[in-house]
């Protein structure tokens, strides 16, 4: 599992309310919905984040 980094996000109140409603409709947290939205945008732009090399992680344990 990749590490998550916390950061502050300033967002318009109306936009946040719309995202919160969408998240509820999809049974996700607001944070989870924003992550999903960002991932969809990255995929659409063909800028997917690189996958971690799982073999390295497993051999380190």
N, C-alpha and C. Protein backbone atom coordinates (compact mmCIF):
# COMPACT_ATOMS: atom_id res chain seq x y z
N UNK A 1 0.84 -1.18 0.00
CA UNK A 1 0.00 0.00 0.00
C UNK A 1 0.88 1.24 0.00
N UNK A 2 0.57 2.20 -0.83
CA UNK A 2 1.37 3.41 -0.90
C UNK A 2 1.09 4.31 0.30
N UNK A 3 2.10 5.10 0.63
CA UNK A 3 1.96 6.02 1.75
C UNK A 3 1.08 7.19 1.32
N UNK A 4 0.35 7.75 2.27
CA UNK A 4 -0.48 8.91 1.99
C UNK A 4 0.12 10.11 2.69
N UNK A 5 0.05 11.24 2.02
CA UNK A 5 0.60 12.47 2.56
C UNK A 5 -0.54 13.45 2.78
N UNK A 6 -0.62 14.01 3.96
CA UNK A 6 -1.66 14.98 4.28
C UNK A 6 -1.24 16.37 3.82
N UNK A 7 -2.22 17.13 3.34
CA UNK A 7 -1.96 18.53 3.00
C UNK A 7 -3.28 19.29 3.07
N UNK A 8 -3.18 20.60 3.26
CA UNK A 8 -4.37 21.44 3.35
C UNK A 8 -4.88 21.75 1.95
N UNK A 9 -6.18 21.75 1.80
CA UNK A 9 -6.80 22.06 0.52
C UNK A 9 -7.82 23.17 0.73
N UNK A 10 -7.62 24.27 0.05
CA UNK A 10 -8.59 25.36 0.10
C UNK A 10 -9.54 25.15 -1.07
N UNK A 11 -10.83 25.13 -0.77
CA UNK A 11 -11.81 24.84 -1.81
C UNK A 11 -13.06 25.69 -1.58
N UNK A 12 -13.66 26.11 -2.64
CA UNK A 12 -14.88 26.89 -2.58
C UNK A 12 -15.96 26.11 -1.83
N UNK A 13 -16.70 26.79 -0.96
CA UNK A 13 -17.70 26.12 -0.12
C UNK A 13 -18.76 25.40 -0.94
N UNK A 14 -19.23 26.02 -2.02
CA UNK A 14 -20.26 25.38 -2.85
C UNK A 14 -19.71 24.14 -3.55
N UNK A 15 -18.45 24.20 -3.98
CA UNK A 15 -17.82 23.05 -4.62
C UNK A 15 -17.69 21.91 -3.61
N UNK A 16 -17.28 22.23 -2.39
CA UNK A 16 -17.14 21.21 -1.36
C UNK A 16 -18.48 20.56 -1.06
N UNK A 17 -19.53 21.34 -0.96
CA UNK A 17 -20.87 20.78 -0.71
C UNK A 17 -21.28 19.82 -1.83
N UNK A 18 -20.98 20.18 -3.07
CA UNK A 18 -21.30 19.31 -4.21
C UNK A 18 -20.51 18.01 -4.13
N UNK A 19 -19.24 18.10 -3.76
CA UNK A 19 -18.40 16.90 -3.63
C UNK A 19 -18.88 16.03 -2.48
N UNK A 20 -19.24 16.65 -1.36
CA UNK A 20 -19.77 15.89 -0.22
C UNK A 20 -21.05 15.15 -0.59
N UNK A 21 -21.93 15.80 -1.35
CA UNK A 21 -23.17 15.15 -1.79
C UNK A 21 -22.86 13.98 -2.71
N UNK A 22 -21.97 14.19 -3.66
CA UNK A 22 -21.57 13.14 -4.60
C UNK A 22 -20.94 11.98 -3.84
N UNK A 23 -20.09 12.28 -2.86
CA UNK A 23 -19.45 11.24 -2.05
C UNK A 23 -20.50 10.41 -1.33
N UNK A 24 -21.47 11.07 -0.74
CA UNK A 24 -22.55 10.36 -0.04
C UNK A 24 -23.34 9.46 -0.99
N UNK A 25 -23.61 9.96 -2.19
CA UNK A 25 -24.34 9.17 -3.19
C UNK A 25 -23.56 7.92 -3.60
N UNK A 26 -22.22 8.00 -3.56
CA UNK A 26 -21.36 6.90 -3.96
C UNK A 26 -20.86 6.07 -2.77
N UNK A 27 -21.36 6.38 -1.57
CA UNK A 27 -20.95 5.69 -0.34
C UNK A 27 -19.45 5.79 -0.09
N UNK A 28 -18.90 6.98 -0.34
CA UNK A 28 -17.49 7.24 -0.09
C UNK A 28 -17.37 8.38 0.91
N UNK A 29 -16.21 8.49 1.54
CA UNK A 29 -15.90 9.67 2.34
C UNK A 29 -15.61 10.81 1.37
N UNK A 30 -15.65 12.02 1.87
CA UNK A 30 -15.31 13.17 1.03
C UNK A 30 -13.88 13.04 0.54
N UNK A 31 -12.97 12.67 1.43
CA UNK A 31 -11.58 12.48 1.04
C UNK A 31 -11.45 11.40 -0.03
N UNK A 32 -12.14 10.29 0.17
CA UNK A 32 -12.11 9.21 -0.81
C UNK A 32 -12.66 9.64 -2.16
N UNK A 33 -13.69 10.48 -2.13
CA UNK A 33 -14.26 10.97 -3.38
C UNK A 33 -13.28 11.88 -4.11
N UNK A 34 -12.61 12.75 -3.38
CA UNK A 34 -11.62 13.64 -4.00
C UNK A 34 -10.48 12.83 -4.59
N UNK A 35 -10.01 11.81 -3.85
CA UNK A 35 -8.95 10.93 -4.37
C UNK A 35 -9.41 10.24 -5.65
N UNK A 36 -10.63 9.74 -5.65
CA UNK A 36 -11.18 9.05 -6.83
C UNK A 36 -11.25 10.01 -8.01
N UNK A 37 -11.73 11.23 -7.76
CA UNK A 37 -11.84 12.23 -8.82
C UNK A 37 -10.46 12.57 -9.40
N UNK A 38 -9.48 12.73 -8.53
CA UNK A 38 -8.13 13.02 -8.99
C UNK A 38 -7.57 11.86 -9.81
N UNK A 39 -7.80 10.63 -9.37
CA UNK A 39 -7.30 9.47 -10.11
C UNK A 39 -7.96 9.38 -11.48
N UNK A 40 -9.26 9.66 -11.56
CA UNK A 40 -9.95 9.64 -12.85
C UNK A 40 -9.34 10.68 -13.79
N UNK A 41 -9.04 11.85 -13.26
CA UNK A 41 -8.43 12.91 -14.07
C UNK A 41 -7.04 12.50 -14.54
N UNK A 42 -6.26 11.89 -13.67
CA UNK A 42 -4.93 11.43 -14.04
C UNK A 42 -5.00 10.36 -15.13
N UNK A 43 -5.93 9.42 -15.00
CA UNK A 43 -6.09 8.37 -16.01
C UNK A 43 -6.49 8.97 -17.35
N UNK A 44 -7.43 9.91 -17.32
CA UNK A 44 -7.91 10.53 -18.54
C UNK A 44 -6.79 11.28 -19.26
N UNK A 45 -5.91 11.88 -18.48
CA UNK A 45 -4.78 12.62 -19.05
C UNK A 45 -3.58 11.72 -19.33
N UNK A 46 -3.75 10.41 -19.09
CA UNK A 46 -2.67 9.42 -19.26
C UNK A 46 -1.44 9.81 -18.43
N UNK A 47 -1.70 10.18 -17.19
CA UNK A 47 -0.64 10.55 -16.26
C UNK A 47 -0.77 9.73 -14.97
N UNK A 48 -1.10 8.45 -15.13
CA UNK A 48 -1.25 7.57 -13.96
C UNK A 48 0.01 7.58 -13.12
N UNK A 49 -0.14 7.58 -11.79
CA UNK A 49 1.06 7.47 -10.95
C UNK A 49 1.70 6.11 -11.17
N UNK A 50 3.02 6.05 -11.04
CA UNK A 50 3.74 4.78 -11.21
C UNK A 50 3.36 3.83 -10.09
N UNK A 51 3.19 2.56 -10.43
CA UNK A 51 2.90 1.53 -9.44
C UNK A 51 4.18 1.17 -8.70
N UNK A 52 4.05 0.91 -7.41
CA UNK A 52 5.21 0.50 -6.61
C UNK A 52 5.66 -0.89 -7.01
N UNK A 53 6.94 -1.17 -6.90
CA UNK A 53 7.47 -2.50 -7.17
C UNK A 53 7.20 -3.36 -5.94
N UNK A 54 6.20 -4.20 -5.99
CA UNK A 54 5.78 -5.00 -4.84
C UNK A 54 6.81 -6.06 -4.46
N UNK A 55 7.58 -6.55 -5.41
CA UNK A 55 8.57 -7.58 -5.09
C UNK A 55 9.63 -7.02 -4.14
N UNK A 56 9.99 -5.75 -4.32
CA UNK A 56 10.97 -5.13 -3.43
C UNK A 56 10.40 -5.03 -2.01
N UNK A 57 9.13 -4.64 -1.88
CA UNK A 57 8.50 -4.52 -0.58
C UNK A 57 8.45 -5.88 0.14
N UNK A 58 8.11 -6.92 -0.61
CA UNK A 58 7.97 -8.25 0.01
C UNK A 58 9.33 -8.81 0.44
N UNK A 59 10.38 -8.55 -0.34
CA UNK A 59 11.69 -9.11 -0.01
C UNK A 59 12.33 -8.38 1.16
N UNK A 60 11.89 -7.17 1.45
CA UNK A 60 12.44 -6.39 2.55
C UNK A 60 11.95 -6.87 3.91
N UNK A 61 10.82 -7.61 3.96
CA UNK A 61 10.27 -8.01 5.26
C UNK A 61 10.95 -9.20 5.87
